Amino acid sequence: MKKPDSKAPQKASEAPRLIAENRRARFDYFIEERYDAGLVLEGWEVKALRAGKAQVTEAYVFLRNGEVFLTGAHITPLKTTSTHVHADPTRTRKLLLNRREISHLVGAVERKGYTIVPLDLHWDRGRAKLRIGLAKGKQQHDKRATEKERDWARDKSRLLRRG
């Protein structure tokens, strides 16, 4: 029997599938490091995530007593699954990270002035994961420079296409 090749391309079902994205985070912050964190969810929340009923644009991550929490993320309950449970769509959810990652985040946030922002919510091997980023805030002139670079890249590609 032949072993499966470890360098074989990933199947489409194994690739992370996006549930919700926080595009505003990339506009407002310089993202320096990224982490994938698990989420502590209830059953109705998992079903709602499978239906794509999530939003992380106004969410933020905070640290308390050596634990990491997500607050402000909105998971809209489905009418069929949350009939017997009082569903709170914006409840605070605990994030699951390694102790080493948590201590690194605590040091960066408390000493270096970083903040932790949620970047996207996705499926990874059947589990809901939240990609968080260690970020520094952008000032207005930084945002203008980023927008200018993006416009120039778009114009440059247009010019190259025309020949």
Protein backbone atom coordinates (compact mmCIF):
# COMPACT_ATOMS: atom_id res chain seq x y z
CA MET A 1 0.00 0.00 0.00
CA LYS A 2 1.40 3.39 -0.98
CA LYS A 3 1.58 6.25 1.52
CA PRO A 4 -0.07 9.51 0.48
CA ASP A 5 2.42 12.12 -0.68
CA SER A 6 2.78 14.89 1.92
CA LYS A 7 3.64 17.42 -0.79
CA ALA A 8 0.45 16.76 -2.74
CA PRO A 9 -1.73 19.83 -3.31
CA GLN A 10 -4.51 20.43 -0.80
CA LYS A 11 -7.99 19.38 -1.74
CA ALA A 12 -10.54 22.15 -2.06
CA SER A 13 -12.39 20.76 0.98
CA GLU A 14 -9.27 21.04 3.17
CA ALA A 15 -8.46 24.65 2.28
CA PRO A 16 -9.69 27.25 4.79
CA ARG A 17 -13.11 28.58 3.80
CA LEU A 18 -13.89 32.18 4.64
CA ILE A 19 -16.96 32.94 6.76
CA ALA A 20 -16.49 36.66 7.48
CA GLU A 21 -13.71 39.16 6.89
CA ASN A 22 -12.74 42.42 8.58
CA ARG A 23 -11.47 44.51 5.67
CA ARG A 24 -11.48 47.64 7.79
CA ALA A 25 -8.68 46.23 9.97
CA ARG A 26 -6.18 46.26 7.10
CA PHE A 27 -7.12 49.87 6.36
CA ASP A 28 -6.86 51.13 9.96
CA TYR A 29 -3.87 49.09 11.22
CA PHE A 30 -0.42 47.85 10.25
CA ILE A 31 -0.74 44.08 10.81
CA GLU A 32 2.62 42.75 12.02
CA GLU A 33 1.87 39.19 13.19
CA ARG A 34 -1.04 36.83 12.62
CA TYR A 35 -2.39 34.02 14.80
CA ASP A 36 -5.17 31.47 14.28
CA ALA A 37 -7.27 31.06 17.39
CA GLY A 38 -10.03 28.59 18.13
CA LEU A 39 -13.39 29.79 19.43
CA VAL A 40 -15.55 28.49 22.27
CA LEU A 41 -18.98 28.33 20.63
CA GLU A 42 -22.45 27.06 21.38
CA GLY A 43 -24.30 24.72 19.04
CA TRP A 44 -26.59 27.33 17.50
CA GLU A 45 -23.54 29.52 16.76
CA VAL A 46 -21.83 26.75 14.78
CA LYS A 47 -24.97 26.24 12.69
CA ALA A 48 -25.22 29.99 12.07
CA LEU A 49 -21.55 30.10 11.03
CA ARG A 50 -22.14 27.25 8.56
CA ALA A 51 -24.91 29.39 7.06
CA GLY A 52 -22.50 32.35 6.87
CA LYS A 53 -24.40 34.54 9.36
CA ALA A 54 -21.40 36.20 11.03
CA GLN A 55 -19.85 39.65 11.14
CA VAL A 56 -16.52 40.68 12.70
CA THR A 57 -16.14 44.26 11.43
CA GLU A 58 -16.95 45.91 14.76
CA ALA A 59 -15.38 43.23 16.95
CA TYR A 60 -12.26 43.57 19.04
CA VAL A 61 -10.07 41.29 21.11
CA PHE A 62 -9.02 41.92 24.69
CA LEU A 63 -6.91 40.18 27.33
CA ARG A 64 -8.08 39.52 30.89
CA ASN A 65 -6.41 37.34 33.54
CA GLY A 66 -4.18 35.60 31.01
CA GLU A 67 -7.10 34.71 28.74
CA VAL A 68 -8.11 36.11 25.37
CA PHE A 69 -11.69 37.12 24.55
CA LEU A 70 -13.56 38.29 21.45
CA THR A 71 -16.33 40.82 21.96
CA GLY A 72 -18.56 42.66 19.54
CA ALA A 73 -18.64 39.89 16.91
CA HIS A 74 -22.18 39.42 15.71
CA ILE A 75 -23.44 35.91 14.92
CA THR A 76 -27.06 36.09 13.82
CA PRO A 77 -29.08 33.14 15.17
CA LEU A 78 -31.05 31.06 12.70
CA LYS A 79 -34.79 30.98 13.32
CA THR A 80 -34.93 27.19 13.13
CA THR A 81 -32.08 26.34 15.50
CA SER A 82 -32.47 28.90 18.27
CA THR A 83 -36.12 28.38 19.17
CA HIS A 84 -35.43 26.63 22.48
CA VAL A 85 -32.35 28.66 23.53
CA HIS A 86 -32.05 32.34 24.39
CA ALA A 87 -29.48 33.36 21.77
CA ASP A 88 -27.27 36.38 22.46
CA PRO A 89 -25.76 37.35 19.08
CA THR A 90 -23.02 39.61 20.49
CA ARG A 91 -21.93 37.67 23.55
CA THR A 92 -18.27 37.64 24.59
CA ARG A 93 -16.54 34.49 23.31
CA LYS A 94 -13.33 32.98 24.62
CA LEU A 95 -10.46 32.42 22.18
CA LEU A 96 -8.21 29.38 22.38
CA LEU A 97 -4.47 29.97 21.99
CA ASN A 98 -1.29 28.36 23.29
CA ARG A 99 0.12 29.70 26.54
CA ARG A 100 3.27 30.87 24.71
CA GLU A 101 1.18 32.81 22.17
CA ILE A 102 -0.90 34.41 24.91
CA SER A 103 2.17 35.51 26.86
CA HIS A 104 3.67 36.98 23.66
CA LEU A 105 0.44 38.91 23.02
CA VAL A 106 0.29 40.17 26.62
CA GLY A 107 3.86 41.45 26.39
CA ALA A 108 3.25 43.20 23.07
CA VAL A 109 -0.01 44.81 24.14
CA GLU A 110 1.10 45.99 27.58
CA ARG A 111 4.69 47.04 26.86
CA LYS A 112 4.89 47.94 23.18
CA GLY A 113 1.50 49.57 22.64
CA TYR A 114 0.10 47.09 20.13
CA THR A 115 -3.53 46.13 19.82
CA ILE A 116 -5.16 42.85 18.80
CA VAL A 117 -7.69 42.98 15.96
CA PRO A 118 -9.81 40.19 14.43
CA LEU A 119 -8.98 39.78 10.73
CA ASP A 120 -11.27 37.01 9.53
CA LEU A 121 -13.39 34.07 10.58
CA HIS A 122 -12.85 30.85 8.63
CA TRP A 123 -13.19 27.06 8.70
CA ASP A 124 -10.03 25.01 9.13
CA ARG A 125 -10.47 21.22 9.01
CA GLY A 126 -14.07 21.46 10.19
CA ARG A 127 -13.37 23.84 13.07
CA ALA A 128 -14.20 27.54 13.21
CA LYS A 129 -11.07 29.64 13.60
CA LEU A 130 -10.54 33.36 14.07
CA ARG A 131 -7.43 34.89 12.53
CA ILE A 132 -6.24 37.69 14.79
CA GLY A 133 -3.50 40.16 14.11
CA LEU A 134 -1.05 41.99 16.34
CA ALA A 135 -1.38 45.51 14.99
CA LYS A 136 -0.24 49.12 15.31
CA GLY A 137 -2.71 51.87 14.50
CA LYS A 138 -2.30 53.90 11.34
CA GLN A 139 -2.51 57.66 11.37
CA GLN A 140 -4.32 59.67 8.70
CA HIS A 141 -1.20 60.29 6.59
CA ASP A 142 -0.39 56.55 6.63
CA LYS A 143 -3.87 55.75 5.31
CA ARG A 144 -3.45 58.30 2.53
CA ALA A 145 -0.09 56.82 1.55
CA THR A 146 -1.56 53.31 1.44
CA GLU A 147 -4.43 54.49 -0.73
CA LYS A 148 -2.00 56.32 -3.04
CA GLU A 149 0.13 53.16 -3.46
CA ARG A 150 -2.96 51.08 -4.22
CA ASP A 151 -4.12 53.61 -6.86
CA TRP A 152 -0.67 53.68 -8.46
CA ALA A 153 -0.53 49.87 -8.62
CA ARG A 154 -3.94 49.81 -10.31
CA ASP A 155 -2.92 52.51 -12.85
CA LYS A 156 0.40 50.77 -13.51
CA SER A 157 -1.31 47.46 -14.29
CA ARG A 158 -3.73 49.30 -16.62
CA LEU A 159 -0.82 50.93 -18.47
CA LEU A 160 1.03 47.64 -18.81
CA ARG A 161 -2.06 45.91 -20.18
CA ARG A 162 -2.52 48.55 -22.88
CA GLY A 163 1.06 48.19 -23.97
